[in-house]
Amino acid sequence: MTNLKIDKIDLKILETLQRNGRITNQHLAEKVCLSPSSCLQRVRRLENEQVIRSYHARIDLPHIARHIMCIATVSLKNHIQNEFKAFENR
């Protein structure tokens, strides 16, 4: 990683993108008081430097499924009673 200089405008861009990763460049530029071209240039720099690594959709699971079933397998190194009890207690 290079010695990337992050200023207050970069921080405002990052904060805004964390709240809304789907914001248009035009609206982002307005929020951080930059021209759209300067804003896009900064976002691309932050992406290229891997400060911004990806964009995600946050899913509200209760809206799509009332219950989620999770099945897990656990292996214990030693099959002795003390190990089983320790596992159950945790």
N, C-alpha and C. Protein backbone atom coordinates (compact mmCIF):
# COMPACT_ATOMS: atom_id res chain seq x y z
N MET A 1 0.84 -1.19 0.00
CA MET A 1 0.00 0.00 0.00
C MET A 1 0.88 1.24 0.00
N THR A 2 0.48 2.23 -0.75
CA THR A 2 1.24 3.46 -0.84
C THR A 2 0.87 4.39 0.31
N ASN A 3 1.61 5.48 0.42
CA ASN A 3 1.28 6.49 1.42
C ASN A 3 0.14 7.34 0.89
N LEU A 4 -1.04 6.84 1.03
CA LEU A 4 -2.22 7.52 0.54
C LEU A 4 -2.59 8.66 1.47
N LYS A 5 -2.80 9.82 0.92
CA LYS A 5 -3.22 10.98 1.70
C LYS A 5 -4.74 11.05 1.69
N ILE A 6 -5.33 10.96 2.86
CA ILE A 6 -6.79 11.06 3.00
C ILE A 6 -7.09 12.40 3.65
N ASP A 7 -7.88 13.22 2.98
CA ASP A 7 -8.24 14.51 3.57
C ASP A 7 -9.70 14.50 4.02
N LYS A 8 -10.18 15.64 4.48
CA LYS A 8 -11.55 15.73 5.00
C LYS A 8 -12.59 15.41 3.94
N ILE A 9 -12.32 15.80 2.71
CA ILE A 9 -13.28 15.52 1.63
C ILE A 9 -13.34 14.02 1.38
N ASP A 10 -12.18 13.36 1.34
CA ASP A 10 -12.17 11.90 1.18
C ASP A 10 -12.95 11.22 2.29
N LEU A 11 -12.76 11.69 3.51
CA LEU A 11 -13.48 11.11 4.65
C LEU A 11 -14.97 11.30 4.50
N LYS A 12 -15.40 12.47 4.01
CA LYS A 12 -16.83 12.73 3.79
C LYS A 12 -17.37 11.82 2.68
N ILE A 13 -16.58 11.60 1.64
CA ILE A 13 -16.97 10.68 0.57
C ILE A 13 -17.16 9.28 1.15
N LEU A 14 -16.20 8.82 1.93
CA LEU A 14 -16.28 7.48 2.51
C LEU A 14 -17.47 7.35 3.45
N GLU A 15 -17.70 8.36 4.26
CA GLU A 15 -18.85 8.33 5.18
C GLU A 15 -20.16 8.26 4.41
N THR A 16 -20.27 9.04 3.37
CA THR A 16 -21.49 9.07 2.57
C THR A 16 -21.71 7.73 1.86
N LEU A 17 -20.64 7.16 1.30
CA LEU A 17 -20.76 5.88 0.61
C LEU A 17 -21.08 4.74 1.57
N GLN A 18 -20.60 4.84 2.81
CA GLN A 18 -20.95 3.81 3.79
C GLN A 18 -22.44 3.86 4.11
N ARG A 19 -23.00 5.04 4.13
CA ARG A 19 -24.44 5.17 4.41
C ARG A 19 -25.29 4.79 3.21
N ASN A 20 -24.78 5.10 2.01
CA ASN A 20 -25.55 4.83 0.80
C ASN A 20 -24.60 4.54 -0.36
N GLY A 21 -24.29 3.28 -0.57
CA GLY A 21 -23.38 2.88 -1.62
C GLY A 21 -23.96 3.02 -3.02
N ARG A 22 -25.27 3.27 -3.09
CA ARG A 22 -25.92 3.41 -4.41
C ARG A 22 -26.14 4.86 -4.80
N ILE A 23 -25.62 5.78 -4.03
CA ILE A 23 -25.79 7.19 -4.34
C ILE A 23 -25.14 7.49 -5.70
N THR A 24 -25.78 8.34 -6.46
CA THR A 24 -25.20 8.70 -7.76
C THR A 24 -23.99 9.60 -7.52
N ASN A 25 -23.12 9.63 -8.49
CA ASN A 25 -21.95 10.50 -8.39
C ASN A 25 -22.37 11.96 -8.28
N GLN A 26 -23.43 12.33 -8.99
CA GLN A 26 -23.94 13.71 -8.94
C GLN A 26 -24.35 14.08 -7.52
N HIS A 27 -25.13 13.22 -6.86
CA HIS A 27 -25.57 13.51 -5.50
C HIS A 27 -24.40 13.46 -4.51
N LEU A 28 -23.50 12.53 -4.71
CA LEU A 28 -22.31 12.46 -3.84
C LEU A 28 -21.49 13.73 -3.97
N ALA A 29 -21.30 14.19 -5.18
CA ALA A 29 -20.54 15.43 -5.41
C ALA A 29 -21.21 16.61 -4.70
N GLU A 30 -22.53 16.67 -4.77
CA GLU A 30 -23.25 17.76 -4.09
C GLU A 30 -23.05 17.68 -2.58
N LYS A 31 -23.10 16.47 -2.02
CA LYS A 31 -22.96 16.31 -0.57
C LYS A 31 -21.58 16.70 -0.07
N VAL A 32 -20.56 16.48 -0.90
CA VAL A 32 -19.19 16.77 -0.45
C VAL A 32 -18.65 18.06 -1.05
N CYS A 33 -19.52 18.80 -1.74
CA CYS A 33 -19.18 20.11 -2.31
C CYS A 33 -18.03 20.05 -3.31
N LEU A 34 -18.15 19.14 -4.25
CA LEU A 34 -17.18 19.02 -5.35
C LEU A 34 -17.93 19.00 -6.67
N SER A 35 -17.18 19.22 -7.74
CA SER A 35 -17.77 19.02 -9.06
C SER A 35 -17.89 17.51 -9.27
N PRO A 36 -18.84 17.07 -10.09
CA PRO A 36 -18.98 15.64 -10.34
C PRO A 36 -17.70 14.97 -10.84
N SER A 37 -16.95 15.65 -11.72
CA SER A 37 -15.73 15.04 -12.25
C SER A 37 -14.66 14.90 -11.16
N SER A 38 -14.51 15.90 -10.30
CA SER A 38 -13.54 15.80 -9.20
C SER A 38 -13.94 14.73 -8.21
N CYS A 39 -15.23 14.62 -7.95
CA CYS A 39 -15.72 13.61 -7.02
C CYS A 39 -15.46 12.21 -7.56
N LEU A 40 -15.78 12.01 -8.83
CA LEU A 40 -15.56 10.70 -9.44
C LEU A 40 -14.08 10.34 -9.44
N GLN A 41 -13.24 11.32 -9.70
CA GLN A 41 -11.80 11.10 -9.69
C GLN A 41 -11.33 10.63 -8.31
N ARG A 42 -11.87 11.25 -7.26
CA ARG A 42 -11.50 10.85 -5.89
C ARG A 42 -12.01 9.45 -5.56
N VAL A 43 -13.25 9.15 -5.95
CA VAL A 43 -13.81 7.82 -5.69
C VAL A 43 -12.98 6.77 -6.40
N ARG A 44 -12.63 7.00 -7.65
CA ARG A 44 -11.81 6.04 -8.40
C ARG A 44 -10.45 5.83 -7.74
N ARG A 45 -9.84 6.93 -7.24
CA ARG A 45 -8.56 6.83 -6.55
C ARG A 45 -8.70 5.99 -5.29
N LEU A 46 -9.77 6.21 -4.53
CA LEU A 46 -10.01 5.43 -3.30
C LEU A 46 -10.26 3.96 -3.64
N GLU A 47 -10.92 3.70 -4.75
CA GLU A 47 -11.13 2.31 -5.18
C GLU A 47 -9.80 1.68 -5.63
N ASN A 48 -9.03 2.40 -6.43
CA ASN A 48 -7.76 1.88 -6.92
C ASN A 48 -6.76 1.61 -5.80
N GLU A 49 -6.81 2.42 -4.76
CA GLU A 49 -5.94 2.23 -3.60
C GLU A 49 -6.51 1.22 -2.61
N GLN A 50 -7.66 0.63 -2.96
CA GLN A 50 -8.36 -0.37 -2.15
C GLN A 50 -8.79 0.15 -0.78
N VAL A 51 -8.99 1.46 -0.68
CA VAL A 51 -9.65 2.01 0.51
C VAL A 51 -11.11 1.61 0.44
N ILE A 52 -11.70 1.74 -0.74
CA ILE A 52 -13.04 1.22 -1.01
C ILE A 52 -12.80 -0.12 -1.69
N ARG A 53 -13.18 -1.19 -1.01
CA ARG A 53 -12.89 -2.52 -1.54
C ARG A 53 -14.07 -3.14 -2.27
N SER A 54 -15.29 -2.78 -1.88
CA SER A 54 -16.46 -3.33 -2.55
C SER A 54 -17.70 -2.56 -2.11
N TYR A 55 -18.77 -2.83 -2.81
CA TYR A 55 -20.08 -2.27 -2.48
C TYR A 55 -21.00 -3.44 -2.19
N HIS A 56 -21.86 -3.30 -1.19
CA HIS A 56 -22.69 -4.42 -0.75
C HIS A 56 -24.15 -4.02 -0.63
N ALA A 57 -24.99 -5.03 -0.68
CA ALA A 57 -26.40 -4.85 -0.35
C ALA A 57 -26.60 -5.47 1.03
N ARG A 58 -27.16 -4.71 1.94
CA ARG A 58 -27.47 -5.22 3.28
C ARG A 58 -28.89 -5.76 3.23
N ILE A 59 -29.04 -7.05 3.49
CA ILE A 59 -30.33 -7.72 3.38
C ILE A 59 -30.99 -7.81 4.76
N ASP A 60 -32.26 -7.45 4.83
CA ASP A 60 -33.02 -7.59 6.06
C ASP A 60 -33.69 -8.97 6.03
N LEU A 61 -33.05 -9.95 6.65
CA LEU A 61 -33.51 -11.34 6.57
C LEU A 61 -34.96 -11.55 7.02
N PRO A 62 -35.45 -10.89 8.07
CA PRO A 62 -36.84 -11.11 8.46
C PRO A 62 -37.86 -10.78 7.35
N HIS A 63 -37.47 -9.95 6.40
CA HIS A 63 -38.38 -9.64 5.30
C HIS A 63 -38.50 -10.78 4.30
N ILE A 64 -37.52 -11.65 4.25
CA ILE A 64 -37.57 -12.72 3.26
C ILE A 64 -37.71 -14.10 3.88
N ALA A 65 -37.41 -14.23 5.16
CA ALA A 65 -37.53 -15.54 5.81
C ALA A 65 -37.80 -15.33 7.30
N ARG A 66 -38.83 -16.01 7.79
CA ARG A 66 -39.15 -15.88 9.21
C ARG A 66 -38.19 -16.69 10.06
N HIS A 67 -37.72 -17.81 9.53
CA HIS A 67 -36.83 -18.68 10.29
C HIS A 67 -35.64 -19.07 9.41
N ILE A 68 -34.53 -19.22 10.04
CA ILE A 68 -33.35 -19.68 9.35
C ILE A 68 -32.83 -20.90 10.09
N MET A 69 -32.59 -21.97 9.36
CA MET A 69 -32.07 -23.18 9.96
C MET A 69 -30.58 -23.26 9.67
N CYS A 70 -29.81 -23.49 10.71
CA CYS A 70 -28.38 -23.61 10.57
C CYS A 70 -27.96 -24.98 11.10
N ILE A 71 -27.24 -25.73 10.30
CA ILE A 71 -26.76 -27.04 10.71
C ILE A 71 -25.25 -26.95 10.79
N ALA A 72 -24.70 -27.35 11.92
CA ALA A 72 -23.25 -27.28 12.12
C ALA A 72 -22.72 -28.64 12.55
N THR A 73 -21.51 -28.91 12.18
CA THR A 73 -20.83 -30.13 12.60
C THR A 73 -19.66 -29.73 13.47
N VAL A 74 -19.51 -30.41 14.59
CA VAL A 74 -18.42 -30.12 15.52
C VAL A 74 -17.61 -31.38 15.70
N SER A 75 -16.30 -31.24 15.63
CA SER A 75 -15.40 -32.37 15.88
C SER A 75 -14.56 -32.05 17.11
N LEU A 76 -14.49 -32.99 18.00
CA LEU A 76 -13.66 -32.82 19.19
C LEU A 76 -12.39 -33.66 19.02
N LYS A 77 -11.29 -33.12 19.49
CA LYS A 77 -10.01 -33.81 19.37
C LYS A 77 -10.01 -35.10 20.18
N ASN A 78 -10.49 -35.00 21.42
CA ASN A 78 -10.53 -36.17 22.32
C ASN A 78 -11.98 -36.49 22.65
N HIS A 79 -12.32 -37.74 22.59
CA HIS A 79 -13.69 -38.16 22.90
C HIS A 79 -13.76 -38.68 24.33
N ILE A 80 -13.50 -37.78 25.25
CA ILE A 80 -13.60 -38.15 26.66
C ILE A 80 -14.67 -37.27 27.31
N GLN A 81 -15.20 -37.75 28.41
CA GLN A 81 -16.32 -37.08 29.06
C GLN A 81 -16.01 -35.62 29.40
N ASN A 82 -14.81 -35.34 29.90
CA ASN A 82 -14.45 -33.97 30.27
C ASN A 82 -14.50 -33.03 29.07
N GLU A 83 -14.07 -33.52 27.91
CA GLU A 83 -14.11 -32.70 26.69
C GLU A 83 -15.55 -32.41 26.27
N PHE A 84 -16.42 -33.42 26.36
CA PHE A 84 -17.82 -33.22 26.02
C PHE A 84 -18.46 -32.19 26.95
N LYS A 85 -18.18 -32.29 28.24
CA LYS A 85 -18.76 -31.36 29.20
C LYS A 85 -18.24 -29.94 28.95
N ALA A 86 -16.94 -29.82 28.68
CA ALA A 86 -16.38 -28.49 28.39
C ALA A 86 -17.04 -27.88 27.16
N PHE A 87 -17.26 -28.70 26.13
CA PHE A 87 -17.92 -28.20 24.92
C PHE A 87 -19.36 -27.77 25.23
N GLU A 88 -20.09 -28.58 25.96
CA GLU A 88 -21.48 -28.25 26.30
C GLU A 88 -21.56 -26.99 27.12
N ASN A 89 -20.61 -26.76 28.03
CA ASN A 89 -20.62 -25.58 28.88
C ASN A 89 -20.35 -24.32 28.07
N ARG A 90 -19.55 -24.42 27.04
CA ARG A 90 -19.25 -23.23 26.22
C ARG A 90 -20.42 -22.93 25.32
